[in-house]
Protein backbone atom coordinates (compact mmCIF):
# COMPACT_ATOMS: atom_id res chain seq x y z
CA MET A 1 15.73 -16.23 13.24
CA SER A 2 11.94 -16.65 13.64
CA SER A 3 10.04 -19.23 11.62
CA THR A 4 7.12 -16.78 11.19
CA LEU A 5 6.27 -15.95 7.59
CA VAL A 6 7.14 -12.24 7.24
CA ILE A 7 5.63 -10.17 4.44
CA ASP A 8 6.44 -6.49 4.04
CA ALA A 9 3.11 -5.10 2.80
CA HIS A 10 4.38 -1.62 1.83
CA ALA A 11 7.49 -0.93 -0.23
CA HIS A 12 8.30 1.28 -3.22
CA CYS A 13 10.43 -0.10 -6.02
CA GLY A 14 11.53 1.31 -9.36
CA VAL A 15 14.47 2.17 -11.57
CA GLN A 16 13.28 5.37 -13.30
CA ASP A 17 13.39 7.32 -10.03
CA SER A 18 16.81 6.55 -8.54
CA PHE A 19 16.97 9.08 -5.69
CA PRO A 20 17.08 7.43 -3.31
CA PRO A 21 18.01 4.10 -4.92
CA GLN A 22 14.94 1.89 -4.74
CA ASP A 23 15.36 -0.92 -7.22
CA PHE A 24 14.86 -4.55 -6.25
CA GLU A 25 18.49 -5.13 -5.30
CA ALA A 26 18.49 -2.05 -3.09
CA TYR A 27 15.46 -3.37 -1.22
CA ARG A 28 17.04 -6.81 -0.92
CA ALA A 29 20.17 -5.25 0.61
CA ALA A 30 18.09 -3.19 3.03
CA ALA A 31 16.14 -6.26 4.17
CA SER A 32 19.16 -8.56 4.39
CA GLY A 33 19.65 -10.25 7.72
CA SER A 34 15.90 -10.22 8.40
CA ASP A 35 13.38 -12.97 7.78
CA ILE A 36 11.35 -10.93 5.29
CA ARG A 37 10.72 -13.40 2.50
CA THR A 38 7.95 -11.65 0.56
CA VAL A 39 7.32 -7.99 -0.19
CA VAL A 40 4.42 -6.03 -1.68
CA MET A 41 5.84 -3.46 -4.07
CA PHE A 42 4.42 -0.50 -5.95
CA PRO A 43 6.18 2.09 -8.12
CA PRO A 44 7.66 5.28 -6.62
CA VAL A 45 5.37 8.29 -6.84
CA ALA A 46 7.86 10.15 -9.06
CA GLU A 47 7.37 7.48 -11.73
CA ILE A 48 3.61 8.08 -11.81
CA TYR A 49 3.03 11.87 -11.83
CA ASP A 50 4.82 15.15 -11.12
CA ARG A 51 4.04 15.58 -7.44
CA ASP A 52 5.68 19.04 -7.38
CA ASP A 53 3.24 20.49 -9.90
CA PRO A 54 -0.28 20.90 -8.46
CA ASP A 55 -1.49 21.84 -11.97
CA PHE A 56 0.08 18.74 -13.52
CA GLU A 57 -1.42 17.73 -16.84
CA ASP A 58 -0.88 14.24 -18.16
CA THR A 59 1.20 13.64 -21.31
CA PRO A 60 2.10 10.64 -23.46
CA TRP A 61 5.57 10.70 -21.84
CA TRP A 62 4.08 10.33 -18.37
CA ARG A 63 1.66 7.63 -19.51
CA GLU A 64 4.56 5.61 -20.89
CA ARG A 65 6.55 6.21 -17.70
CA ARG A 66 3.64 4.85 -15.64
CA ARG A 67 3.18 1.85 -17.88
CA ALA A 68 6.88 0.97 -17.61
CA ALA A 69 6.85 1.51 -13.84
CA ASN A 70 3.94 -0.86 -13.30
CA GLU A 71 5.37 -3.45 -15.69
CA TYR A 72 8.82 -3.41 -14.05
CA LEU A 73 7.41 -4.98 -10.90
CA LEU A 74 6.09 -7.97 -12.83
CA HIS A 75 9.60 -9.27 -13.48
CA LEU A 76 10.99 -9.19 -9.95
CA GLY A 77 11.49 -11.76 -7.23
CA ASP A 78 13.25 -15.08 -6.81
CA GLU A 79 13.32 -18.08 -4.50
CA LYS A 80 14.80 -15.99 -1.67
CA LEU A 81 12.59 -12.91 -1.93
CA ALA A 82 9.17 -13.05 -3.58
CA VAL A 83 7.47 -9.92 -4.91
CA ILE A 84 3.75 -9.19 -4.90
CA PRO A 85 3.19 -6.34 -7.41
CA TYR A 86 0.47 -3.72 -6.93
CA PHE A 87 -0.73 -1.48 -9.76
CA PHE A 88 -0.28 2.27 -9.15
CA ILE A 89 -3.32 3.97 -10.68
CA TRP A 90 -3.52 7.57 -11.84
CA ASN A 91 -5.90 9.83 -13.76
CA ASP A 92 -5.88 7.82 -16.97
CA PHE A 93 -7.40 5.03 -14.82
CA ALA A 94 -5.68 2.52 -17.10
CA VAL A 95 -6.99 -0.65 -15.45
CA GLU A 96 -6.70 -2.39 -18.81
CA GLN A 97 -2.96 -2.49 -18.06
CA MET A 98 -3.49 -4.53 -14.91
CA THR A 99 -2.46 -8.15 -15.29
CA PRO A 100 -3.38 -11.21 -13.24
CA GLN A 101 -0.02 -10.74 -11.49
CA HIS A 102 -1.12 -7.42 -10.00
CA GLN A 103 -2.57 -8.34 -6.62
CA GLY A 104 -3.62 -4.90 -5.44
CA VAL A 105 -3.84 -1.20 -6.30
CA LYS A 106 -1.92 1.80 -5.01
CA TRP A 107 -4.00 5.02 -4.94
CA HIS A 108 -1.92 7.94 -3.67
CA ARG A 109 -1.70 11.70 -3.39
CA HIS A 110 -0.90 14.29 -0.73
CA PRO A 111 -3.01 17.44 -0.19
CA ASP A 112 -0.61 19.74 -2.08
CA GLU A 113 -0.31 17.40 -5.07
CA PRO A 114 -2.30 16.98 -8.30
CA ARG A 115 -5.82 15.69 -7.68
CA TYR A 116 -7.52 12.55 -8.80
CA ARG A 117 -10.46 13.23 -11.09
CA TYR A 118 -13.12 11.40 -9.15
CA ASP A 119 -15.86 12.81 -11.37
CA ASP A 120 -14.35 11.27 -14.51
CA PRO A 121 -16.46 8.33 -15.76
CA ARG A 122 -13.21 6.39 -16.18
CA CYS A 123 -12.73 6.58 -12.41
CA ALA A 124 -16.05 4.85 -11.77
CA ALA A 125 -15.20 2.26 -14.41
CA ALA A 126 -11.81 1.62 -12.78
CA VAL A 127 -13.42 1.18 -9.37
CA SER A 128 -15.88 -1.26 -10.91
CA GLU A 129 -13.00 -3.36 -12.25
CA ILE A 130 -11.20 -3.20 -8.90
CA ARG A 131 -14.42 -4.30 -7.19
CA ARG A 132 -14.96 -7.10 -9.72
CA ARG A 133 -11.49 -8.48 -8.99
CA ASN A 134 -11.91 -7.72 -5.27
CA LEU A 135 -8.45 -6.16 -5.20
CA PRO A 136 -7.29 -4.31 -2.08
CA VAL A 137 -6.51 -0.61 -2.55
CA VAL A 138 -3.68 1.01 -0.57
CA LEU A 139 -5.25 4.44 -0.24
CA GLU A 140 -3.21 7.49 0.75
CA GLU A 141 -5.38 10.61 0.41
CA GLU A 142 -6.37 13.64 2.44
CA LEU A 143 -9.01 13.07 5.10
CA ASP A 144 -12.14 14.24 3.28
CA ASN A 145 -11.28 12.28 0.16
CA THR A 146 -10.42 9.19 2.21
CA LEU A 147 -13.85 9.30 3.84
CA ARG A 148 -15.65 9.91 0.54
CA PHE A 149 -13.69 7.04 -1.03
CA LEU A 150 -14.92 4.74 1.74
CA GLU A 151 -18.47 6.05 1.88
CA GLU A 152 -19.24 6.99 -1.71
CA TRP A 153 -16.70 6.57 -4.50
CA ALA A 154 -15.59 3.01 -3.72
CA LEU A 155 -18.18 1.74 -1.30
CA GLY A 156 -17.36 -1.78 -0.15
CA VAL A 157 -13.91 -1.96 -1.79
CA ARG A 158 -11.28 -3.36 0.56
CA VAL A 159 -9.03 -0.46 1.54
CA VAL A 160 -5.66 -0.48 3.32
CA ILE A 161 -4.90 2.87 4.96
CA PRO A 162 -1.10 3.13 5.30
CA HIS A 163 0.86 4.51 8.24
CA LEU A 164 -2.21 3.91 10.43
CA GLY A 165 -3.66 7.02 8.86
CA ALA A 166 -0.80 9.45 9.54
CA LEU A 167 -1.02 10.87 5.99
CA ASN A 168 -4.79 10.41 5.61
CA GLY A 169 -5.69 13.03 8.19
CA GLY A 170 -4.37 11.19 11.23
CA TYR A 171 -5.17 8.06 13.20
CA GLU A 172 -7.39 9.88 15.69
CA ALA A 173 -9.34 11.78 13.02
CA LEU A 174 -10.16 8.51 11.28
CA ARG A 175 -11.05 6.89 14.60
CA ARG A 176 -13.48 9.69 15.42
CA ARG A 177 -15.18 9.07 12.07
CA ASP A 178 -15.42 5.32 12.79
CA ALA A 179 -13.27 4.48 9.77
CA TRP A 180 -11.28 1.76 11.54
CA GLU A 181 -14.44 -0.07 12.57
CA ARG A 182 -15.42 -0.77 8.97
CA GLU A 183 -14.89 -4.43 8.08
CA ASN A 184 -13.44 -3.50 4.68
CA VAL A 185 -10.85 -1.08 6.13
CA TRP A 186 -7.39 -2.39 6.95
CA ALA A 187 -4.23 -0.58 8.07
CA ASP A 188 -0.48 -0.97 7.88
CA THR A 189 2.19 -0.20 10.45
CA ALA A 190 4.66 1.61 8.17
CA LEU A 191 6.31 4.44 10.14
CA ALA A 192 3.49 4.44 12.71
CA GLY A 193 4.46 4.96 16.34
CA PRO A 194 4.38 1.98 18.72
CA GLY A 195 1.77 3.70 20.89
CA THR A 196 -0.54 4.16 17.92
CA ILE A 197 -0.13 0.52 16.90
CA ARG A 198 -0.89 -0.69 20.43
CA ASP A 199 -3.97 1.54 20.63
CA TYR A 200 -5.26 0.20 17.30
CA VAL A 201 -4.78 -3.42 18.38
CA ARG A 202 -6.44 -2.76 21.73
CA ARG A 203 -9.48 -1.07 20.18
CA PHE A 204 -9.91 -2.95 16.92
CA GLY A 205 -7.91 -6.15 17.24
CA PRO A 206 -5.01 -7.39 15.11
CA SER A 207 -6.93 -9.11 12.31
CA ARG A 208 -6.84 -6.23 9.79
CA LEU A 209 -3.36 -4.88 10.53
CA LEU A 210 -0.41 -5.43 8.17
CA PHE A 211 3.30 -5.00 8.74
CA GLY A 212 4.83 -2.53 6.29
CA SER A 213 8.14 -0.67 6.03
CA ASP A 214 7.47 2.15 3.52
CA TYR A 215 10.88 1.45 1.99
CA PRO A 216 12.95 3.50 1.04
CA PHE A 217 11.52 5.99 3.57
CA GLY A 218 11.47 3.34 6.26
CA ASP A 219 14.07 0.69 7.06
CA PRO A 220 12.60 -2.82 6.61
CA VAL A 221 14.69 -4.30 9.42
CA GLY A 222 13.97 -1.48 11.85
CA GLU A 223 10.26 -1.43 11.05
CA LEU A 224 10.08 -5.20 11.56
CA GLU A 225 11.82 -4.99 14.92
CA LYS A 226 9.45 -2.19 15.95
CA VAL A 227 6.51 -4.54 15.52
CA ARG A 228 8.27 -7.38 17.32
CA ARG A 229 9.08 -5.14 20.28
CA LEU A 230 5.36 -4.51 20.83
CA GLY A 231 5.17 -7.78 22.74
CA LEU A 232 2.05 -9.03 20.99
CA PRO A 233 0.99 -12.62 21.68
CA SER A 234 2.72 -14.93 19.21
CA GLU A 235 -0.42 -15.68 17.19
CA GLU A 236 -1.28 -11.99 16.87
CA GLU A 237 2.29 -11.10 15.89
CA ALA A 238 2.33 -13.83 13.23
CA ALA A 239 -0.92 -12.50 11.81
CA VAL A 240 0.35 -8.91 11.59
CA LEU A 241 3.70 -9.94 10.12
CA GLY A 242 2.27 -12.00 7.28
CA GLY A 243 -0.84 -14.04 7.98
CA ASN A 244 -3.22 -11.13 7.56
CA LEU A 245 -1.77 -10.14 4.19
CA LYS A 246 -2.14 -13.71 2.92
CA ARG A 247 -5.76 -13.71 4.07
CA LEU A 248 -6.40 -10.32 2.46
CA LEU A 249 -5.06 -11.44 -0.90
CA ALA A 250 -6.87 -14.78 -0.71
CA GLY A 251 -10.06 -12.84 -1.41
CA ASN A 252 -8.81 -11.65 -4.82
CA ARG A 253 -10.55 -12.85 -7.97
CA PRO A 254 -8.98 -13.28 -11.45
């Protein structure tokens, strides 16, 4: 087993949405036999909003469900598997619920899902708090909104684009718009193809690339081995598998 510090920077974890099972023990079982010792976790989408209803309107029931989902992550982890909780934000922009334990923000929707209300003054206030704490945002949005987030709505905020952009309009579309060249834009490897990962490293270097599994949709062990099979130089591999995430989070402020 390698001595490299391995951090899975992209995993979903919750107990309110149990299909598929994605509680802490389920992740631990999925990662067993690997040298993943730390994992970034955010709640499952189904615990945050009704993704099947494009006209979804928030309710007190959903607000309580979100609060419980974000709080659940604060009580996970042990000496064998540490958890880094991220706060999943939605249209109530309830950043007052973020605690010092939350080390990042998950900002997520697909094109056919309910929309974030970017014109709501609470959105700007939430971004201001995220910027004040210098928290990274794992942003999964359609292409136009991703670009506006980077260029307008959250200018200068550190953004991690998951799956090397596969669900943000595509790796190549973002490359053509020079998104990957921005110093505040990072990426993760979750479910990305080896060829895409190699192309990213060749063009942009390994310093802003994070290993992620997208559990339960990706297998932590298989996703880890995918990165190791790339044949990166040992220092670059160590950075992608954990060093870069530590450096990213080192910039956070209380």
